[in-house]
Amino acid sequence: GLETVIHYAGTLPGYGSIGAADQLFVAD
């Protein structure tokens, strides 16, 4: 199954605030 490792509330390290319409793209 899945288990929670970490989560970020409000902001991301070195990036800033998470926006309401932010888009994520998975990439190595």
PDB file of all heavy atoms in Angstrom:
ATOM      1  N   GLY A   1       0.823  -1.198   0.000  1.00  0.00           N
ATOM      2  CA  GLY A   1       0.000   0.000   0.000  1.00  0.00           C
ATOM      3  C   GLY A   1       0.853   1.243   0.000  1.00  0.00           C
ATOM      4  O   GLY A   1       2.026   1.215  -0.365  1.00  0.00           O
ATOM      5  N   LEU A   2       0.255   2.351   0.427  1.00  0.00           N
ATOM      6  CA  LEU A   2       0.932   3.637   0.462  1.00  0.00           C
ATOM      7  C   LEU A   2       1.049   4.117   1.904  1.00  0.00           C
ATOM      8  O   LEU A   2       0.213   3.806   2.759  1.00  0.00           O
ATOM      9  CB  LEU A   2       0.150   4.675  -0.352  1.00  0.00           C
ATOM     10  CG  LEU A   2      -0.066   4.355  -1.829  1.00  0.00           C
ATOM     11  CD1 LEU A   2      -0.973   5.400  -2.470  1.00  0.00           C
ATOM     12  CD2 LEU A   2       1.258   4.266  -2.573  1.00  0.00           C
ATOM     13  N   GLU A   3       2.087   4.874   2.173  1.00  0.00           N
ATOM     14  CA  GLU A   3       2.315   5.454   3.489  1.00  0.00           C
ATOM     15  C   GLU A   3       2.859   6.858   3.319  1.00  0.00           C
ATOM     16  O   GLU A   3       3.620   7.142   2.387  1.00  0.00           O
ATOM     17  CB  GLU A   3       3.292   4.585   4.299  1.00  0.00           C
ATOM     18  CG  GLU A   3       4.586   4.293   3.580  1.00  0.00           C
ATOM     19  CD  GLU A   3       5.405   3.185   4.215  1.00  0.00           C
ATOM     20  OE1 GLU A   3       4.825   2.350   4.937  1.00  0.00           O
ATOM     21  OE2 GLU A   3       6.635   3.158   3.993  1.00  0.00           O
ATOM     22  N   THR A   4       2.442   7.766   4.197  1.00  0.00           N
ATOM     23  CA  THR A   4       2.807   9.167   4.071  1.00  0.00           C
ATOM     24  C   THR A   4       4.239   9.398   4.549  1.00  0.00           C
ATOM     25  O   THR A   4       4.599   9.029   5.672  1.00  0.00           O
ATOM     26  CB  THR A   4       1.853  10.060   4.880  1.00  0.00           C
ATOM     27  OG1 THR A   4       0.514   9.780   4.483  1.00  0.00           O
ATOM     28  CG2 THR A   4       2.154  11.526   4.641  1.00  0.00           C
ATOM     29  N   VAL A   5       5.038  10.016   3.686  1.00  0.00           N
ATOM     30  CA  VAL A   5       6.429  10.324   4.026  1.00  0.00           C
ATOM     31  C   VAL A   5       6.555  11.755   4.520  1.00  0.00           C
ATOM     32  O   VAL A   5       7.195  12.031   5.531  1.00  0.00           O
ATOM     33  CB  VAL A   5       7.344  10.089   2.807  1.00  0.00           C
ATOM     34  CG1 VAL A   5       8.769  10.539   3.091  1.00  0.00           C
ATOM     35  CG2 VAL A   5       7.320   8.622   2.406  1.00  0.00           C
ATOM     36  N   ILE A   6       5.948  12.685   3.779  1.00  0.00           N
ATOM     37  CA  ILE A   6       6.053  14.103   4.137  1.00  0.00           C
ATOM     38  C   ILE A   6       4.954  14.852   3.430  1.00  0.00           C
ATOM     39  O   ILE A   6       4.402  14.382   2.430  1.00  0.00           O
ATOM     40  CB  ILE A   6       7.443  14.679   3.745  1.00  0.00           C
ATOM     41  CG1 ILE A   6       7.708  16.011   4.458  1.00  0.00           C
ATOM     42  CG2 ILE A   6       7.567  14.824   2.226  1.00  0.00           C
ATOM     43  CD1 ILE A   6       9.137  16.498   4.335  1.00  0.00           C
ATOM     44  N   HIS A   7       4.579  16.010   3.959  1.00  0.00           N
ATOM     45  CA  HIS A   7       3.778  16.930   3.164  1.00  0.00           C
ATOM     46  C   HIS A   7       4.132  18.362   3.508  1.00  0.00           C
ATOM     47  O   HIS A   7       4.649  18.670   4.580  1.00  0.00           O
ATOM     48  CB  HIS A   7       2.281  16.655   3.271  1.00  0.00           C
ATOM     49  CG  HIS A   7       1.676  16.872   4.624  1.00  0.00           C
ATOM     50  ND1 HIS A   7       1.538  18.110   5.187  1.00  0.00           N
ATOM     51  CD2 HIS A   7       1.141  16.006   5.503  1.00  0.00           C
ATOM     52  CE1 HIS A   7       0.948  18.001   6.357  1.00  0.00           C
ATOM     53  NE2 HIS A   7       0.707  16.721   6.584  1.00  0.00           N
ATOM     54  N   TYR A   8       3.865  19.207   2.543  1.00  0.00           N
ATOM     55  CA  TYR A   8       4.206  20.617   2.645  1.00  0.00           C
ATOM     56  C   TYR A   8       2.922  21.422   2.740  1.00  0.00           C
ATOM     57  O   TYR A   8       2.016  21.265   1.923  1.00  0.00           O
ATOM     58  CB  TYR A   8       5.019  21.063   1.437  1.00  0.00           C
ATOM     59  CG  TYR A   8       6.313  20.288   1.287  1.00  0.00           C
ATOM     60  CD1 TYR A   8       6.397  19.222   0.403  1.00  0.00           C
ATOM     61  CD2 TYR A   8       7.432  20.617   2.051  1.00  0.00           C
ATOM     62  CE1 TYR A   8       7.573  18.502   0.273  1.00  0.00           C
ATOM     63  CE2 TYR A   8       8.613  19.902   1.925  1.00  0.00           C
ATOM     64  CZ  TYR A   8       8.677  18.842   1.037  1.00  0.00           C
ATOM     65  OH  TYR A   8       9.843  18.122   0.918  1.00  0.00           O
ATOM     66  N   ALA A   9       2.848  22.296   3.729  1.00  0.00           N
ATOM     67  CA  ALA A   9       1.660  23.105   3.971  1.00  0.00           C
ATOM     68  C   ALA A   9       1.914  24.533   3.518  1.00  0.00           C
ATOM     69  O   ALA A   9       2.758  25.229   4.082  1.00  0.00           O
ATOM     70  CB  ALA A   9       1.304  23.088   5.455  1.00  0.00           C
ATOM     71  N   GLY A  10       1.220  24.940   2.459  1.00  0.00           N
ATOM     72  CA  GLY A  10       1.273  26.334   2.039  1.00  0.00           C
ATOM     73  C   GLY A  10       2.425  26.697   1.142  1.00  0.00           C
ATOM     74  O   GLY A  10       2.240  27.359   0.125  1.00  0.00           O
ATOM     75  N   THR A  11       3.638  26.292   1.507  1.00  0.00           N
ATOM     76  CA  THR A  11       4.824  26.668   0.743  1.00  0.00           C
ATOM     77  C   THR A  11       5.710  25.452   0.484  1.00  0.00           C
ATOM     78  O   THR A  11       5.628  24.450   1.193  1.00  0.00           O
ATOM     79  CB  THR A  11       5.651  27.732   1.483  1.00  0.00           C
ATOM     80  OG1 THR A  11       6.096  27.193   2.743  1.00  0.00           O
ATOM     81  CG2 THR A  11       4.835  28.988   1.728  1.00  0.00           C
ATOM     82  N   LEU A  12       6.560  25.569  -0.530  1.00  0.00           N
ATOM     83  CA  LEU A  12       7.519  24.525  -0.876  1.00  0.00           C
ATOM     84  C   LEU A  12       8.921  25.043  -0.646  1.00  0.00           C
ATOM     85  O   LEU A  12       9.212  26.223  -0.913  1.00  0.00           O
ATOM     86  CB  LEU A  12       7.345  24.115  -2.340  1.00  0.00           C
ATOM     87  CG  LEU A  12       5.989  23.525  -2.705  1.00  0.00           C
ATOM     88  CD1 LEU A  12       5.877  23.325  -4.206  1.00  0.00           C
ATOM     89  CD2 LEU A  12       5.764  22.204  -1.979  1.00  0.00           C
ATOM     90  N   PRO A  13       9.836  24.198  -0.156  1.00  0.00           N
ATOM     91  CA  PRO A  13      11.196  24.657   0.165  1.00  0.00           C
ATOM     92  C   PRO A  13      11.882  25.274  -1.040  1.00  0.00           C
ATOM     93  O   PRO A  13      12.045  24.635  -2.081  1.00  0.00           O
ATOM     94  CB  PRO A  13      11.917  23.379   0.608  1.00  0.00           C
ATOM     95  CG  PRO A  13      10.842  22.410   0.948  1.00  0.00           C
ATOM     96  CD  PRO A  13       9.658  22.763   0.125  1.00  0.00           C
ATOM     97  N   GLY A  14      12.262  26.538  -0.918  1.00  0.00           N
ATOM     98  CA  GLY A  14      13.004  27.217  -1.974  1.00  0.00           C
ATOM     99  C   GLY A  14      12.171  27.696  -3.128  1.00  0.00           C
ATOM    100  O   GLY A  14      12.685  28.362  -4.037  1.00  0.00           O
ATOM    101  N   TYR A  15      10.881  27.379  -3.140  1.00  0.00           N
ATOM    102  CA  TYR A  15      10.022  27.776  -4.260  1.00  0.00           C
ATOM    103  C   TYR A  15       9.084  28.906  -3.870  1.00  0.00           C
ATOM    104  O   TYR A  15       8.957  29.900  -4.575  1.00  0.00           O
ATOM    105  CB  TYR A  15       9.214  26.572  -4.752  1.00  0.00           C
ATOM    106  CG  TYR A  15       8.318  26.906  -5.932  1.00  0.00           C
ATOM    107  CD1 TYR A  15       8.800  26.837  -7.228  1.00  0.00           C
ATOM    108  CD2 TYR A  15       6.987  27.296  -5.738  1.00  0.00           C
ATOM    109  CE1 TYR A  15       7.994  27.164  -8.309  1.00  0.00           C
ATOM    110  CE2 TYR A  15       6.173  27.618  -6.809  1.00  0.00           C
ATOM    111  CZ  TYR A  15       6.675  27.552  -8.086  1.00  0.00           C
ATOM    112  OH  TYR A  15       5.878  27.876  -9.155  1.00  0.00           O
ATOM    113  N   GLY A  16       8.396  28.761  -2.751  1.00  0.00           N
ATOM    114  CA  GLY A  16       7.418  29.744  -2.338  1.00  0.00           C
ATOM    115  C   GLY A  16       6.054  29.117  -2.182  1.00  0.00           C
ATOM    116  O   GLY A  16       5.908  27.909  -1.992  1.00  0.00           O
ATOM    117  N   SER A  17       5.039  29.958  -2.303  1.00  0.00           N
ATOM    118  CA  SER A  17       3.677  29.534  -2.019  1.00  0.00           C
ATOM    119  C   SER A  17       3.122  28.627  -3.113  1.00  0.00           C
ATOM    120  O   SER A  17       3.410  28.808  -4.299  1.00  0.00           O
ATOM    121  CB  SER A  17       2.768  30.754  -1.870  1.00  0.00           C
ATOM    122  OG  SER A  17       3.174  31.553  -0.779  1.00  0.00           O
ATOM    123  N   ILE A  18       2.330  27.664  -2.681  1.00  0.00           N
ATOM    124  CA  ILE A  18       1.583  26.822  -3.612  1.00  0.00           C
ATOM    125  C   ILE A  18       0.378  27.610  -4.090  1.00  0.00           C
ATOM    126  O   ILE A  18      -0.377  28.173  -3.284  1.00  0.00           O
ATOM    127  CB  ILE A  18       1.128  25.521  -2.935  1.00  0.00           C
ATOM    128  CG1 ILE A  18       2.319  24.736  -2.390  1.00  0.00           C
ATOM    129  CG2 ILE A  18       0.318  24.658  -3.900  1.00  0.00           C
ATOM    130  CD1 ILE A  18       1.931  23.565  -1.506  1.00  0.00           C
ATOM    131  N   GLY A  19       0.175  27.681  -5.407  1.00  0.00           N
ATOM    132  CA  GLY A  19      -0.924  28.449  -5.974  1.00  0.00           C
ATOM    133  C   GLY A  19      -2.151  27.608  -6.234  1.00  0.00           C
ATOM    134  O   GLY A  19      -2.076  26.382  -6.389  1.00  0.00           O
ATOM    135  N   ALA A  20      -3.301  28.269  -6.321  1.00  0.00           N
ATOM    136  CA  ALA A  20      -4.565  27.560  -6.493  1.00  0.00           C
ATOM    137  C   ALA A  20      -4.647  26.825  -7.819  1.00  0.00           C
ATOM    138  O   ALA A  20      -5.322  25.791  -7.928  1.00  0.00           O
ATOM    139  CB  ALA A  20      -5.724  28.547  -6.381  1.00  0.00           C
ATOM    140  N   ALA A  21      -3.976  27.337  -8.865  1.00  0.00           N
ATOM    141  CA  ALA A  21      -4.055  26.727 -10.196  1.00  0.00           C
ATOM    142  C   ALA A  21      -2.724  26.123 -10.626  1.00  0.00           C
ATOM    143  O   ALA A  21      -2.504  25.899 -11.823  1.00  0.00           O
ATOM    144  CB  ALA A  21      -4.524  27.761 -11.213  1.00  0.00           C
ATOM    145  N   ASP A  22      -1.842  25.832  -9.678  1.00  0.00           N
ATOM    146  CA  ASP A  22      -0.529  25.274 -10.019  1.00  0.00           C
ATOM    147  C   ASP A  22      -0.671  23.927 -10.729  1.00  0.00           C
ATOM    148  O   ASP A  22      -1.560  23.133 -10.419  1.00  0.00           O
ATOM    149  CB  ASP A  22       0.325  25.093  -8.760  1.00  0.00           C
ATOM    150  CG  ASP A  22       0.917  26.409  -8.282  1.00  0.00           C
ATOM    151  OD1 ASP A  22       0.642  27.442  -8.907  1.00  0.00           O
ATOM    152  OD2 ASP A  22       1.644  26.389  -7.275  1.00  0.00           O
ATOM    153  N   GLN A  23       0.252  23.674 -11.662  1.00  0.00           N
ATOM    154  CA  GLN A  23       0.273  22.421 -12.415  1.00  0.00           C
ATOM    155  C   GLN A  23       1.576  21.683 -12.139  1.00  0.00           C
ATOM    156  O   GLN A  23       2.646  22.290 -12.147  1.00  0.00           O
ATOM    157  CB  GLN A  23       0.151  22.691 -13.909  1.00  0.00           C
ATOM    158  CG  GLN A  23      -1.112  23.411 -14.317  1.00  0.00           C
ATOM    159  CD  GLN A  23      -1.116  23.732 -15.789  1.00  0.00           C
ATOM    160  OE1 GLN A  23      -0.899  22.865 -16.637  1.00  0.00           O
ATOM    161  NE2 GLN A  23      -1.361  24.995 -16.108  1.00  0.00           N
ATOM    162  N   LEU A  24       1.462  20.369 -11.907  1.00  0.00           N
ATOM    163  CA  LEU A  24       2.630  19.520 -11.696  1.00  0.00           C
ATOM    164  C   LEU A  24       2.862  18.634 -12.911  1.00  0.00           C
ATOM    165  O   LEU A  24       1.910  18.139 -13.519  1.00  0.00           O
ATOM    166  CB  LEU A  24       2.443  18.638 -10.461  1.00  0.00           C
ATOM    167  CG  LEU A  24       2.464  19.314  -9.090  1.00  0.00           C
ATOM    168  CD1 LEU A  24       2.206  18.274  -7.999  1.00  0.00           C
ATOM    169  CD2 LEU A  24       3.779  20.017  -8.841  1.00  0.00           C
ATOM    170  N   PHE A  25       4.141  18.408 -13.234  1.00  0.00           N
ATOM    171  CA  PHE A  25       4.528  17.519 -14.322  1.00  0.00           C
ATOM    172  C   PHE A  25       5.615  16.584 -13.802  1.00  0.00           C
ATOM    173  O   PHE A  25       6.646  17.038 -13.301  1.00  0.00           O
ATOM    174  CB  PHE A  25       5.050  18.316 -15.525  1.00  0.00           C
ATOM    175  CG  PHE A  25       4.046  19.296 -16.067  1.00  0.00           C
ATOM    176  CD1 PHE A  25       4.002  20.605 -15.591  1.00  0.00           C
ATOM    177  CD2 PHE A  25       3.137  18.912 -17.033  1.00  0.00           C
ATOM    178  CE1 PHE A  25       3.072  21.507 -16.082  1.00  0.00           C
ATOM    179  CE2 PHE A  25       2.203  19.804 -17.539  1.00  0.00           C
ATOM    180  CZ  PHE A  25       2.164  21.108 -17.056  1.00  0.00           C
ATOM    181  N   VAL A  26       5.359  15.281 -13.893  1.00  0.00           N
ATOM    182  CA  VAL A  26       6.311  14.284 -13.413  1.00  0.00           C
ATOM    183  C   VAL A  26       7.432  14.144 -14.422  1.00  0.00           C
ATOM    184  O   VAL A  26       7.199  13.950 -15.625  1.00  0.00           O
ATOM    185  CB  VAL A  26       5.614  12.931 -13.197  1.00  0.00           C
ATOM    186  CG1 VAL A  26       6.626  11.845 -12.850  1.00  0.00           C
ATOM    187  CG2 VAL A  26       4.560  13.046 -12.105  1.00  0.00           C
ATOM    188  N   ALA A  27       8.691  14.216 -13.938  1.00  0.00           N
ATOM    189  CA  ALA A  27       9.837  14.171 -14.852  1.00  0.00           C
ATOM    190  C   ALA A  27      11.101  13.871 -14.069  1.00  0.00           C
ATOM    191  O   ALA A  27      11.330  14.448 -13.005  1.00  0.00           O
ATOM    192  CB  ALA A  27       9.996  15.509 -15.563  1.00  0.00           C
ATOM    193  N   ASP A  28      11.929  12.980 -14.585  1.00  0.00           N
ATOM    194  CA  ASP A  28      13.266  12.761 -14.009  1.00  0.00           C
ATOM    195  C   ASP A  28      14.225  13.707 -14.723  1.00  0.00           C
ATOM    196  O   ASP A  28      14.905  13.336 -15.664  1.00  0.00           O
ATOM    197  CB  ASP A  28      13.688  11.301 -14.191  1.00  0.00           C
ATOM    198  CG  ASP A  28      15.069  11.021 -13.598  1.00  0.00           C
ATOM    199  OD1 ASP A  28      15.613  11.909 -12.898  1.00  0.00           O
ATOM    200  OD2 ASP A  28      15.602   9.927 -13.847  1.00  0.00           O
TER     201      ASP A  28
END
